[in-house]
N, C-alpha and C. Protein backbone atom coordinates (compact mmCIF):
# COMPACT_ATOMS: atom_id res chain seq x y z
N UNK A 1 33.99 -42.64 -21.13
CA UNK A 1 33.49 -42.36 -22.46
C UNK A 1 31.98 -42.18 -22.40
N UNK A 2 31.46 -41.16 -23.03
CA UNK A 2 30.04 -40.89 -23.05
C UNK A 2 29.36 -41.78 -24.08
N UNK A 3 28.28 -42.49 -23.66
CA UNK A 3 27.61 -43.36 -24.61
C UNK A 3 26.86 -42.56 -25.65
N UNK A 4 26.70 -43.14 -26.85
CA UNK A 4 25.91 -42.52 -27.92
C UNK A 4 24.45 -42.81 -27.61
N UNK A 5 23.71 -41.79 -27.19
CA UNK A 5 22.32 -41.98 -26.79
C UNK A 5 21.34 -41.63 -27.90
N UNK A 6 21.84 -41.33 -29.09
CA UNK A 6 20.95 -40.93 -30.17
C UNK A 6 20.25 -42.12 -30.83
N UNK A 7 20.80 -43.31 -30.68
CA UNK A 7 20.21 -44.51 -31.28
C UNK A 7 20.05 -45.57 -30.21
N UNK A 8 18.97 -46.35 -30.30
CA UNK A 8 18.84 -47.44 -29.32
C UNK A 8 19.88 -48.51 -29.59
N UNK A 9 20.39 -49.15 -28.53
CA UNK A 9 21.37 -50.21 -28.71
C UNK A 9 20.71 -51.48 -29.25
N UNK A 10 21.52 -52.41 -29.67
CA UNK A 10 21.00 -53.71 -30.08
C UNK A 10 20.32 -54.36 -28.88
N UNK A 11 19.18 -55.03 -29.09
CA UNK A 11 18.48 -55.67 -27.98
C UNK A 11 19.37 -56.70 -27.28
N UNK A 12 19.18 -56.80 -25.97
CA UNK A 12 19.90 -57.78 -25.17
C UNK A 12 18.97 -58.92 -24.81
N UNK A 13 19.51 -60.11 -24.66
CA UNK A 13 18.73 -61.23 -24.17
C UNK A 13 18.82 -61.20 -22.66
N UNK A 14 17.85 -60.54 -22.03
CA UNK A 14 17.90 -60.36 -20.59
C UNK A 14 17.66 -61.65 -19.82
N UNK A 15 17.07 -62.64 -20.45
CA UNK A 15 16.89 -63.92 -19.77
C UNK A 15 18.24 -64.56 -19.48
N UNK A 16 19.25 -64.20 -20.26
CA UNK A 16 20.59 -64.75 -20.06
C UNK A 16 21.37 -63.97 -19.01
N UNK A 17 20.95 -62.74 -18.69
CA UNK A 17 21.68 -61.89 -17.75
C UNK A 17 20.73 -61.21 -16.78
N UNK A 18 20.04 -61.97 -15.90
CA UNK A 18 19.05 -61.35 -15.04
C UNK A 18 19.62 -60.55 -13.87
N UNK A 19 20.87 -60.75 -13.49
CA UNK A 19 21.44 -60.06 -12.34
C UNK A 19 22.80 -59.50 -12.76
N UNK A 20 22.86 -58.20 -12.96
CA UNK A 20 24.07 -57.60 -13.51
C UNK A 20 24.66 -56.57 -12.57
N UNK A 21 25.97 -56.57 -12.47
CA UNK A 21 26.69 -55.49 -11.80
C UNK A 21 27.30 -54.65 -12.91
N UNK A 22 26.82 -53.43 -13.06
CA UNK A 22 27.28 -52.59 -14.16
C UNK A 22 27.64 -51.20 -13.65
N UNK A 23 28.48 -50.55 -14.40
CA UNK A 23 28.80 -49.15 -14.09
C UNK A 23 27.65 -48.30 -14.62
N UNK A 24 27.11 -47.40 -13.80
CA UNK A 24 25.98 -46.61 -14.28
C UNK A 24 26.41 -45.61 -15.34
N UNK A 25 25.72 -45.63 -16.46
CA UNK A 25 25.91 -44.59 -17.46
C UNK A 25 25.16 -43.37 -16.96
N UNK A 26 25.85 -42.26 -16.91
CA UNK A 26 25.21 -41.04 -16.44
C UNK A 26 24.48 -40.39 -17.61
N UNK A 27 23.23 -40.10 -17.37
CA UNK A 27 22.40 -39.45 -18.37
C UNK A 27 22.04 -38.07 -17.82
N UNK A 28 22.21 -37.07 -18.61
CA UNK A 28 21.92 -35.70 -18.21
C UNK A 28 20.46 -35.39 -18.55
N UNK A 29 19.64 -35.11 -17.55
CA UNK A 29 18.23 -34.81 -17.79
C UNK A 29 18.03 -33.57 -18.66
N UNK A 30 19.06 -32.74 -18.80
CA UNK A 30 18.95 -31.60 -19.71
C UNK A 30 18.81 -32.06 -21.16
N UNK A 31 19.18 -33.31 -21.44
CA UNK A 31 19.07 -33.87 -22.79
C UNK A 31 17.68 -34.43 -23.07
N UNK A 32 16.76 -34.30 -22.13
CA UNK A 32 15.41 -34.83 -22.28
C UNK A 32 14.38 -33.72 -22.15
N UNK A 33 13.25 -33.94 -22.77
CA UNK A 33 12.08 -33.10 -22.56
C UNK A 33 11.37 -33.64 -21.32
N UNK A 34 11.19 -32.80 -20.31
CA UNK A 34 10.56 -33.19 -19.06
C UNK A 34 9.05 -32.96 -19.19
N UNK A 35 8.26 -33.98 -18.86
CA UNK A 35 6.81 -33.90 -19.00
C UNK A 35 6.10 -34.14 -17.68
N UNK A 36 5.06 -33.34 -17.40
CA UNK A 36 4.20 -33.47 -16.23
C UNK A 36 4.96 -33.39 -14.91
N UNK A 37 6.08 -32.70 -14.91
CA UNK A 37 6.92 -32.46 -13.72
C UNK A 37 7.37 -31.01 -13.76
N UNK A 38 8.01 -30.52 -12.69
CA UNK A 38 8.53 -29.15 -12.74
C UNK A 38 9.46 -28.94 -13.94
N UNK A 39 9.28 -27.85 -14.65
CA UNK A 39 10.04 -27.62 -15.88
C UNK A 39 11.54 -27.51 -15.63
N UNK A 40 11.95 -27.12 -14.44
CA UNK A 40 13.37 -26.97 -14.12
C UNK A 40 13.93 -28.19 -13.38
N UNK A 41 13.24 -29.33 -13.45
CA UNK A 41 13.67 -30.54 -12.74
C UNK A 41 15.10 -30.93 -13.08
N UNK A 42 15.52 -30.77 -14.32
CA UNK A 42 16.89 -31.12 -14.71
C UNK A 42 17.92 -30.28 -13.97
N UNK A 43 17.54 -29.08 -13.52
CA UNK A 43 18.46 -28.20 -12.79
C UNK A 43 18.56 -28.54 -11.30
N UNK A 44 17.66 -29.35 -10.79
CA UNK A 44 17.71 -29.69 -9.37
C UNK A 44 18.99 -30.46 -9.09
N UNK A 45 19.62 -30.22 -7.95
CA UNK A 45 20.88 -30.89 -7.66
C UNK A 45 20.72 -32.40 -7.47
N UNK A 46 21.71 -33.13 -7.98
CA UNK A 46 21.78 -34.58 -7.78
C UNK A 46 22.47 -34.79 -6.44
N UNK A 47 21.70 -35.19 -5.42
CA UNK A 47 22.22 -35.31 -4.07
C UNK A 47 22.29 -36.77 -3.59
N UNK A 48 21.90 -37.69 -4.45
CA UNK A 48 21.92 -39.11 -4.12
C UNK A 48 22.19 -39.92 -5.37
N UNK A 49 22.73 -41.10 -5.16
CA UNK A 49 23.09 -41.97 -6.28
C UNK A 49 22.34 -43.29 -6.16
N UNK A 50 21.77 -43.73 -7.26
CA UNK A 50 21.12 -45.04 -7.29
C UNK A 50 22.20 -46.11 -7.21
N UNK A 51 22.05 -47.03 -6.26
CA UNK A 51 23.04 -48.11 -6.08
C UNK A 51 22.51 -49.47 -6.50
N UNK A 52 21.21 -49.67 -6.41
CA UNK A 52 20.58 -50.93 -6.80
C UNK A 52 19.25 -50.62 -7.46
N UNK A 53 18.94 -51.42 -8.48
CA UNK A 53 17.69 -51.28 -9.21
C UNK A 53 17.20 -52.68 -9.53
N UNK A 54 15.97 -52.97 -9.14
CA UNK A 54 15.43 -54.30 -9.42
C UNK A 54 14.02 -54.20 -9.98
N UNK A 55 13.84 -54.82 -11.14
CA UNK A 55 12.52 -54.96 -11.74
C UNK A 55 12.00 -56.33 -11.32
N UNK A 56 10.82 -56.40 -10.75
CA UNK A 56 10.23 -57.61 -10.18
C UNK A 56 10.92 -57.92 -8.86
N UNK A 57 10.93 -56.95 -7.97
CA UNK A 57 11.60 -57.03 -6.68
C UNK A 57 11.13 -58.24 -5.88
N UNK A 58 12.06 -59.10 -5.53
CA UNK A 58 11.77 -60.33 -4.78
C UNK A 58 10.62 -61.11 -5.39
N UNK A 59 10.53 -61.10 -6.72
CA UNK A 59 9.49 -61.84 -7.43
C UNK A 59 8.13 -61.17 -7.43
N UNK A 60 8.03 -59.98 -6.87
CA UNK A 60 6.76 -59.27 -6.82
C UNK A 60 6.74 -58.18 -7.90
N UNK A 61 5.56 -57.91 -8.44
CA UNK A 61 5.44 -56.89 -9.47
C UNK A 61 5.91 -55.54 -8.93
N UNK A 62 6.82 -54.93 -9.65
CA UNK A 62 7.21 -53.58 -9.29
C UNK A 62 8.69 -53.31 -9.43
N UNK A 63 9.01 -52.03 -9.39
CA UNK A 63 10.38 -51.54 -9.49
C UNK A 63 10.83 -51.14 -8.09
N UNK A 64 12.03 -51.59 -7.70
CA UNK A 64 12.61 -51.26 -6.40
C UNK A 64 13.92 -50.54 -6.66
N UNK A 65 14.12 -49.41 -5.98
CA UNK A 65 15.32 -48.60 -6.16
C UNK A 65 15.96 -48.35 -4.80
N UNK A 66 17.26 -48.57 -4.70
CA UNK A 66 18.01 -48.23 -3.49
C UNK A 66 18.88 -47.01 -3.79
N UNK A 67 18.88 -46.06 -2.86
CA UNK A 67 19.69 -44.84 -2.98
C UNK A 67 19.92 -44.30 -1.58
N UNK A 68 20.96 -43.51 -1.40
CA UNK A 68 21.40 -43.10 -0.06
C UNK A 68 20.39 -42.25 0.70
N UNK A 69 19.52 -41.54 0.03
CA UNK A 69 18.56 -40.65 0.72
C UNK A 69 17.20 -41.32 0.92
N UNK A 70 17.14 -42.64 0.73
CA UNK A 70 15.86 -43.34 0.87
C UNK A 70 15.49 -43.57 2.33
N UNK A 71 16.42 -44.02 3.14
CA UNK A 71 16.14 -44.38 4.53
C UNK A 71 17.15 -43.73 5.46
N UNK A 72 16.82 -43.69 6.73
CA UNK A 72 17.76 -43.21 7.74
C UNK A 72 17.67 -41.73 8.02
N UNK A 73 18.62 -41.26 8.82
CA UNK A 73 18.61 -39.87 9.30
C UNK A 73 18.71 -38.86 8.16
N UNK A 74 19.42 -39.17 7.11
CA UNK A 74 19.58 -38.22 6.01
C UNK A 74 18.60 -38.40 4.88
N UNK A 75 17.53 -39.16 5.11
CA UNK A 75 16.59 -39.43 4.02
C UNK A 75 15.78 -38.19 3.67
N UNK A 76 15.22 -38.22 2.46
CA UNK A 76 14.38 -37.12 2.04
C UNK A 76 13.15 -37.00 2.94
N UNK A 77 12.72 -35.78 3.24
CA UNK A 77 11.54 -35.61 4.10
C UNK A 77 10.26 -35.96 3.35
N UNK A 78 9.28 -36.43 4.09
CA UNK A 78 7.97 -36.73 3.52
C UNK A 78 7.21 -35.45 3.21
N UNK A 79 6.27 -35.56 2.29
CA UNK A 79 5.38 -34.45 1.97
C UNK A 79 3.98 -35.04 1.74
N UNK A 80 2.97 -34.35 2.23
CA UNK A 80 1.60 -34.79 2.01
C UNK A 80 0.99 -33.90 0.93
N UNK A 81 0.75 -34.46 -0.26
CA UNK A 81 0.16 -33.65 -1.34
C UNK A 81 -1.24 -33.16 -0.98
N UNK A 82 -1.66 -32.04 -1.52
CA UNK A 82 -3.02 -31.54 -1.26
C UNK A 82 -4.05 -32.61 -1.60
N UNK A 83 -4.98 -32.82 -0.66
CA UNK A 83 -6.04 -33.81 -0.86
C UNK A 83 -5.68 -35.22 -0.43
N UNK A 84 -4.43 -35.45 -0.06
CA UNK A 84 -4.00 -36.78 0.37
C UNK A 84 -4.14 -36.87 1.88
N UNK A 85 -4.34 -38.09 2.38
CA UNK A 85 -4.43 -38.29 3.83
C UNK A 85 -3.10 -38.75 4.42
N UNK A 86 -2.13 -39.08 3.57
CA UNK A 86 -0.84 -39.53 4.06
C UNK A 86 0.28 -39.01 3.18
N UNK A 87 1.52 -39.14 3.66
CA UNK A 87 2.66 -38.55 2.97
C UNK A 87 3.29 -39.45 1.91
N UNK A 88 4.04 -38.81 1.02
CA UNK A 88 4.89 -39.47 0.04
C UNK A 88 6.33 -39.10 0.36
N UNK A 89 7.26 -39.99 0.01
CA UNK A 89 8.68 -39.68 0.21
C UNK A 89 9.35 -39.25 -1.08
N UNK A 90 9.08 -40.00 -2.18
CA UNK A 90 9.73 -39.66 -3.44
C UNK A 90 8.90 -40.13 -4.62
N UNK A 91 9.30 -39.70 -5.81
CA UNK A 91 8.63 -40.08 -7.04
C UNK A 91 9.64 -40.77 -7.95
N UNK A 92 9.25 -41.91 -8.49
CA UNK A 92 10.09 -42.71 -9.38
C UNK A 92 9.83 -42.29 -10.82
N UNK A 93 10.91 -42.11 -11.58
CA UNK A 93 10.75 -41.67 -12.97
C UNK A 93 11.48 -42.53 -13.96
N UNK A 94 11.11 -42.35 -15.21
CA UNK A 94 11.71 -43.08 -16.33
C UNK A 94 11.99 -42.10 -17.46
N UNK A 95 13.08 -42.34 -18.18
CA UNK A 95 13.38 -41.62 -19.41
C UNK A 95 13.31 -42.61 -20.55
N UNK A 96 12.72 -42.19 -21.67
CA UNK A 96 12.54 -43.06 -22.83
C UNK A 96 13.05 -42.36 -24.08
N UNK A 97 13.69 -43.12 -24.93
CA UNK A 97 14.14 -42.61 -26.23
C UNK A 97 13.08 -42.94 -27.26
N UNK A 98 12.37 -41.90 -27.74
CA UNK A 98 11.26 -42.08 -28.67
C UNK A 98 11.55 -41.30 -29.94
N UNK A 99 11.64 -41.98 -31.05
CA UNK A 99 11.92 -41.35 -32.35
C UNK A 99 13.16 -40.47 -32.28
N UNK A 100 14.20 -40.96 -31.62
CA UNK A 100 15.48 -40.26 -31.58
C UNK A 100 15.57 -39.12 -30.57
N UNK A 101 14.55 -38.94 -29.73
CA UNK A 101 14.58 -37.88 -28.73
C UNK A 101 14.24 -38.46 -27.36
N UNK A 102 14.92 -37.98 -26.32
CA UNK A 102 14.67 -38.43 -24.96
C UNK A 102 13.55 -37.62 -24.32
N UNK A 103 12.66 -38.32 -23.62
CA UNK A 103 11.59 -37.74 -22.82
C UNK A 103 11.69 -38.35 -21.43
N UNK A 104 11.31 -37.60 -20.41
CA UNK A 104 11.40 -38.11 -19.05
C UNK A 104 10.26 -37.58 -18.20
N UNK A 105 9.83 -38.40 -17.24
CA UNK A 105 8.82 -37.98 -16.29
C UNK A 105 8.86 -38.89 -15.07
N UNK A 106 8.79 -38.28 -13.90
CA UNK A 106 8.65 -39.03 -12.66
C UNK A 106 7.16 -39.10 -12.35
N UNK A 107 6.59 -40.31 -12.38
CA UNK A 107 5.15 -40.46 -12.27
C UNK A 107 4.69 -41.43 -11.18
N UNK A 108 5.59 -42.27 -10.69
CA UNK A 108 5.19 -43.29 -9.71
C UNK A 108 5.49 -42.78 -8.30
N UNK A 109 4.45 -42.55 -7.54
CA UNK A 109 4.56 -41.95 -6.21
C UNK A 109 4.81 -43.04 -5.16
N UNK A 110 5.86 -42.82 -4.33
CA UNK A 110 6.29 -43.83 -3.37
C UNK A 110 6.22 -43.24 -1.96
N UNK A 111 5.58 -43.96 -1.05
CA UNK A 111 5.56 -43.55 0.35
C UNK A 111 6.57 -44.37 1.12
N UNK A 112 7.00 -43.84 2.24
CA UNK A 112 8.01 -44.48 3.09
C UNK A 112 7.55 -45.90 3.46
N UNK A 113 8.43 -46.87 3.26
CA UNK A 113 8.13 -48.26 3.57
C UNK A 113 7.63 -49.06 2.38
N UNK A 114 7.18 -48.41 1.33
CA UNK A 114 6.75 -49.13 0.13
C UNK A 114 8.00 -49.62 -0.59
N UNK A 115 8.14 -50.91 -0.76
CA UNK A 115 9.37 -51.49 -1.30
C UNK A 115 9.43 -51.48 -2.82
N UNK A 116 8.30 -51.59 -3.49
CA UNK A 116 8.28 -51.58 -4.95
C UNK A 116 6.94 -51.03 -5.42
N UNK A 117 6.95 -50.52 -6.65
CA UNK A 117 5.72 -50.01 -7.23
C UNK A 117 5.90 -49.91 -8.74
N UNK A 118 4.84 -49.68 -9.44
CA UNK A 118 4.91 -49.49 -10.88
C UNK A 118 4.59 -50.73 -11.68
N UNK A 119 4.37 -51.86 -11.02
CA UNK A 119 4.02 -53.09 -11.73
C UNK A 119 5.17 -53.71 -12.50
N UNK A 120 4.87 -54.76 -13.20
CA UNK A 120 5.86 -55.46 -14.03
C UNK A 120 6.00 -54.68 -15.34
N UNK A 121 7.00 -53.82 -15.42
CA UNK A 121 7.14 -52.92 -16.56
C UNK A 121 7.39 -53.65 -17.88
N UNK A 122 7.81 -54.91 -17.81
CA UNK A 122 8.08 -55.68 -19.02
C UNK A 122 6.91 -56.50 -19.51
N UNK A 123 5.78 -56.43 -18.84
CA UNK A 123 4.64 -57.28 -19.20
C UNK A 123 3.40 -56.44 -19.52
N UNK A 124 2.63 -56.92 -20.46
CA UNK A 124 1.28 -56.41 -20.72
C UNK A 124 1.20 -54.90 -20.94
N UNK A 125 2.20 -54.32 -21.59
CA UNK A 125 2.16 -52.88 -21.89
C UNK A 125 2.02 -52.03 -20.63
N UNK A 126 2.65 -52.47 -19.53
CA UNK A 126 2.51 -51.82 -18.23
C UNK A 126 2.86 -50.33 -18.26
N UNK A 127 3.98 -49.99 -18.89
CA UNK A 127 4.39 -48.57 -18.91
C UNK A 127 3.40 -47.75 -19.73
N UNK A 128 3.03 -48.26 -20.89
CA UNK A 128 2.10 -47.53 -21.77
C UNK A 128 0.72 -47.36 -21.14
N UNK A 129 0.26 -48.38 -20.42
CA UNK A 129 -1.09 -48.35 -19.86
C UNK A 129 -1.20 -47.72 -18.48
N UNK A 130 -0.14 -47.87 -17.66
CA UNK A 130 -0.28 -47.48 -16.26
C UNK A 130 0.73 -46.47 -15.75
N UNK A 131 1.77 -46.15 -16.53
CA UNK A 131 2.71 -45.10 -16.14
C UNK A 131 2.36 -43.81 -16.88
N UNK A 132 2.37 -43.89 -18.19
CA UNK A 132 2.20 -42.70 -19.05
C UNK A 132 1.06 -42.97 -20.03
N UNK A 133 -0.14 -42.78 -19.57
CA UNK A 133 -1.32 -43.27 -20.28
C UNK A 133 -2.19 -42.20 -20.91
N UNK A 134 -1.85 -40.91 -20.74
CA UNK A 134 -2.70 -39.89 -21.37
C UNK A 134 -1.86 -38.69 -21.83
N UNK A 135 -2.53 -37.68 -22.33
CA UNK A 135 -1.87 -36.54 -22.96
C UNK A 135 -0.93 -35.73 -22.09
N UNK A 136 -1.00 -35.87 -20.77
CA UNK A 136 -0.07 -35.15 -19.90
C UNK A 136 1.38 -35.49 -20.23
N UNK A 137 1.59 -36.68 -20.79
CA UNK A 137 2.95 -37.15 -21.02
C UNK A 137 3.37 -37.08 -22.48
N UNK A 138 2.69 -36.28 -23.28
CA UNK A 138 3.12 -36.03 -24.65
C UNK A 138 3.51 -37.30 -25.39
N UNK A 139 4.71 -37.33 -25.96
CA UNK A 139 5.18 -38.48 -26.75
C UNK A 139 5.29 -39.75 -25.92
N UNK A 140 5.40 -39.63 -24.60
CA UNK A 140 5.49 -40.82 -23.74
C UNK A 140 4.13 -41.50 -23.58
N UNK A 141 3.05 -40.78 -23.83
CA UNK A 141 1.71 -41.33 -23.63
C UNK A 141 1.51 -42.54 -24.54
N UNK A 142 1.24 -43.68 -23.93
CA UNK A 142 0.97 -44.90 -24.68
C UNK A 142 2.19 -45.59 -25.25
N UNK A 143 3.39 -45.10 -24.94
CA UNK A 143 4.61 -45.71 -25.48
C UNK A 143 5.12 -46.78 -24.52
N UNK A 144 5.40 -47.97 -25.05
CA UNK A 144 5.95 -49.07 -24.27
C UNK A 144 7.34 -49.40 -24.79
N UNK A 145 8.40 -49.15 -24.00
CA UNK A 145 9.74 -49.53 -24.44
C UNK A 145 9.82 -51.05 -24.65
N UNK A 146 10.50 -51.46 -25.71
CA UNK A 146 10.69 -52.89 -25.99
C UNK A 146 11.77 -53.46 -25.10
N UNK A 147 11.69 -54.74 -24.81
CA UNK A 147 12.74 -55.41 -24.03
C UNK A 147 14.08 -55.18 -24.71
N UNK A 148 15.06 -54.78 -23.92
CA UNK A 148 16.40 -54.50 -24.43
C UNK A 148 16.63 -53.06 -24.82
N UNK A 149 15.57 -52.29 -24.99
CA UNK A 149 15.69 -50.87 -25.32
C UNK A 149 16.20 -50.11 -24.09
N UNK A 150 17.13 -49.19 -24.27
CA UNK A 150 17.67 -48.44 -23.14
C UNK A 150 16.62 -47.48 -22.58
N UNK A 151 16.51 -47.48 -21.25
CA UNK A 151 15.65 -46.56 -20.53
C UNK A 151 16.48 -45.95 -19.40
N UNK A 152 16.06 -44.83 -18.90
CA UNK A 152 16.69 -44.21 -17.74
C UNK A 152 15.76 -44.29 -16.55
N UNK A 153 16.33 -44.55 -15.37
CA UNK A 153 15.55 -44.59 -14.14
C UNK A 153 16.14 -43.57 -13.17
N UNK A 154 15.26 -42.82 -12.49
CA UNK A 154 15.70 -41.82 -11.52
C UNK A 154 14.63 -41.65 -10.45
N UNK A 155 14.99 -41.01 -9.35
CA UNK A 155 14.04 -40.69 -8.29
C UNK A 155 14.17 -39.22 -7.95
N UNK A 156 13.05 -38.65 -7.46
CA UNK A 156 12.98 -37.23 -7.13
C UNK A 156 12.35 -37.08 -5.75
N UNK A 157 12.91 -36.22 -4.92
CA UNK A 157 12.38 -35.98 -3.58
C UNK A 157 10.95 -35.45 -3.64
N UNK A 158 10.11 -35.97 -2.76
CA UNK A 158 8.74 -35.50 -2.66
C UNK A 158 7.87 -35.97 -3.81
N UNK A 159 6.83 -35.20 -4.07
CA UNK A 159 5.88 -35.52 -5.14
C UNK A 159 6.08 -34.54 -6.29
N UNK A 160 6.36 -35.08 -7.47
CA UNK A 160 6.45 -34.22 -8.66
C UNK A 160 5.48 -34.64 -9.76
N UNK A 161 4.73 -35.70 -9.56
CA UNK A 161 3.74 -36.12 -10.55
C UNK A 161 2.65 -35.05 -10.64
N UNK A 162 2.48 -34.51 -11.84
CA UNK A 162 1.46 -33.50 -12.05
C UNK A 162 1.78 -32.15 -11.42
N UNK A 163 2.99 -31.99 -10.92
CA UNK A 163 3.41 -30.73 -10.30
C UNK A 163 4.29 -30.00 -11.32
N UNK A 164 3.70 -29.06 -12.02
CA UNK A 164 4.43 -28.40 -13.10
C UNK A 164 4.92 -27.00 -12.72
N UNK A 165 4.76 -26.63 -11.44
CA UNK A 165 5.30 -25.35 -10.99
C UNK A 165 6.78 -25.53 -10.65
N UNK A 166 7.27 -24.78 -9.70
CA UNK A 166 8.70 -24.85 -9.37
C UNK A 166 9.04 -25.98 -8.41
N UNK A 167 8.10 -26.86 -8.10
CA UNK A 167 8.37 -27.98 -7.23
C UNK A 167 7.86 -27.79 -5.82
N UNK A 168 6.67 -27.20 -5.66
CA UNK A 168 6.14 -26.88 -4.34
C UNK A 168 5.90 -28.12 -3.48
N UNK A 169 5.81 -29.31 -4.09
CA UNK A 169 5.58 -30.53 -3.32
C UNK A 169 6.87 -31.34 -3.13
N UNK A 170 7.99 -30.69 -3.34
CA UNK A 170 9.29 -31.31 -3.07
C UNK A 170 10.02 -30.42 -2.07
N UNK A 171 10.01 -30.79 -0.79
CA UNK A 171 10.55 -29.91 0.24
C UNK A 171 12.01 -29.53 0.04
N UNK A 172 12.80 -30.38 -0.61
CA UNK A 172 14.22 -30.08 -0.77
C UNK A 172 14.64 -29.86 -2.23
N UNK A 173 13.75 -30.12 -3.17
CA UNK A 173 14.03 -29.95 -4.61
C UNK A 173 15.36 -30.60 -5.00
N UNK A 174 15.43 -31.92 -4.76
CA UNK A 174 16.61 -32.71 -5.08
C UNK A 174 16.19 -33.94 -5.86
N UNK A 175 17.18 -34.53 -6.54
CA UNK A 175 16.92 -35.75 -7.31
C UNK A 175 18.16 -36.63 -7.31
N UNK A 176 18.00 -37.80 -7.89
CA UNK A 176 19.12 -38.72 -8.04
C UNK A 176 19.75 -38.55 -9.42
N UNK A 177 20.83 -39.31 -9.61
CA UNK A 177 21.36 -39.48 -10.96
C UNK A 177 20.34 -40.27 -11.78
N UNK A 178 20.56 -40.35 -13.08
CA UNK A 178 19.72 -41.16 -13.96
C UNK A 178 20.58 -42.31 -14.45
N UNK A 179 20.16 -43.54 -14.16
CA UNK A 179 20.92 -44.71 -14.62
C UNK A 179 20.26 -45.25 -15.89
N UNK A 180 21.09 -45.59 -16.85
CA UNK A 180 20.60 -46.18 -18.09
C UNK A 180 20.75 -47.69 -18.02
N UNK A 181 19.65 -48.38 -18.28
CA UNK A 181 19.63 -49.84 -18.26
C UNK A 181 18.74 -50.33 -19.40
N UNK A 182 18.93 -51.58 -19.82
CA UNK A 182 18.02 -52.13 -20.82
C UNK A 182 16.64 -52.41 -20.20
N UNK A 183 15.60 -52.14 -20.95
CA UNK A 183 14.25 -52.47 -20.51
C UNK A 183 14.18 -53.97 -20.29
N UNK A 184 13.68 -54.41 -19.13
CA UNK A 184 13.64 -55.84 -18.87
C UNK A 184 12.50 -56.53 -19.60
N UNK A 185 12.59 -57.85 -19.65
CA UNK A 185 11.46 -58.66 -20.08
C UNK A 185 10.54 -58.81 -18.87
N UNK A 186 9.46 -59.55 -19.04
CA UNK A 186 8.54 -59.79 -17.93
C UNK A 186 9.22 -60.56 -16.80
N UNK A 187 10.33 -61.24 -17.08
CA UNK A 187 11.06 -61.97 -16.05
C UNK A 187 11.77 -61.05 -15.07
N UNK A 188 11.96 -59.79 -15.44
CA UNK A 188 12.63 -58.83 -14.58
C UNK A 188 14.13 -58.82 -14.73
N UNK A 189 14.79 -57.98 -13.98
CA UNK A 189 16.25 -57.87 -13.99
C UNK A 189 16.66 -57.13 -12.74
N UNK A 190 17.92 -57.35 -12.35
CA UNK A 190 18.48 -56.66 -11.18
C UNK A 190 19.83 -56.07 -11.57
N UNK A 191 20.05 -54.82 -11.17
CA UNK A 191 21.31 -54.13 -11.48
C UNK A 191 21.89 -53.56 -10.19
N UNK A 192 23.19 -53.71 -10.04
CA UNK A 192 23.93 -53.12 -8.93
C UNK A 192 24.95 -52.18 -9.52
N UNK A 193 25.01 -50.96 -9.00
CA UNK A 193 25.91 -49.94 -9.56
C UNK A 193 27.00 -49.61 -8.56
C-alpha cells in the first residue's frame, strides 16, 4: 500500500523506539522538487538499496548509511571535484515535506572511509543551519524538520552538491532508493530495512 505523503504523520516518541526494524517506504523522487542537484536526478537509475540508517552513529554526531554500492568490488567509483585535493564517493541527501510539497537535495559529501557526517540532525537546528542554509535550496533553506516529521534519506554516486548540470561529477549517474523515516530527536535513531 502506498503511504499518503501529502500530510505529515502524527509525531512519534522516538525516545521509546530508538532502534527499529521497518519496511522501507519507497518514495519516488519524481514527487519532489530537486534543488541544487542535477535536474534529472529523479531519472537516474536506482542501483542500490539502503539497508541500515543510523542517526548518531555509534554515539557520534552524524548520519551513517549502509547500502550495497558503498564498499567492495562493486562500490561506486570515487570522483575528485574541481578544486579538491581528494576524492568523494557519494553524496547524502534528504527529502522534506514543506507546506504540503516535497523538496529534496543531496548536500552532504562523503569520502571513502568516512563513517558518518552531517552532524546531529535532531539538535540545534542542524539541518536548517548546516545542511540547507542559503538560497540554493529554495524552500529547504533554513527549514528544520521537527522530531517525528517524516523525512526521506537517499544517497547519490559521486558529487552532486551544487552540480546542476547533467551530473558531470557522478561517474555512473546512479542513486539509491529513498527511505522514509521519522526525523529523530537529538538522541538519534537506528533503522534496519
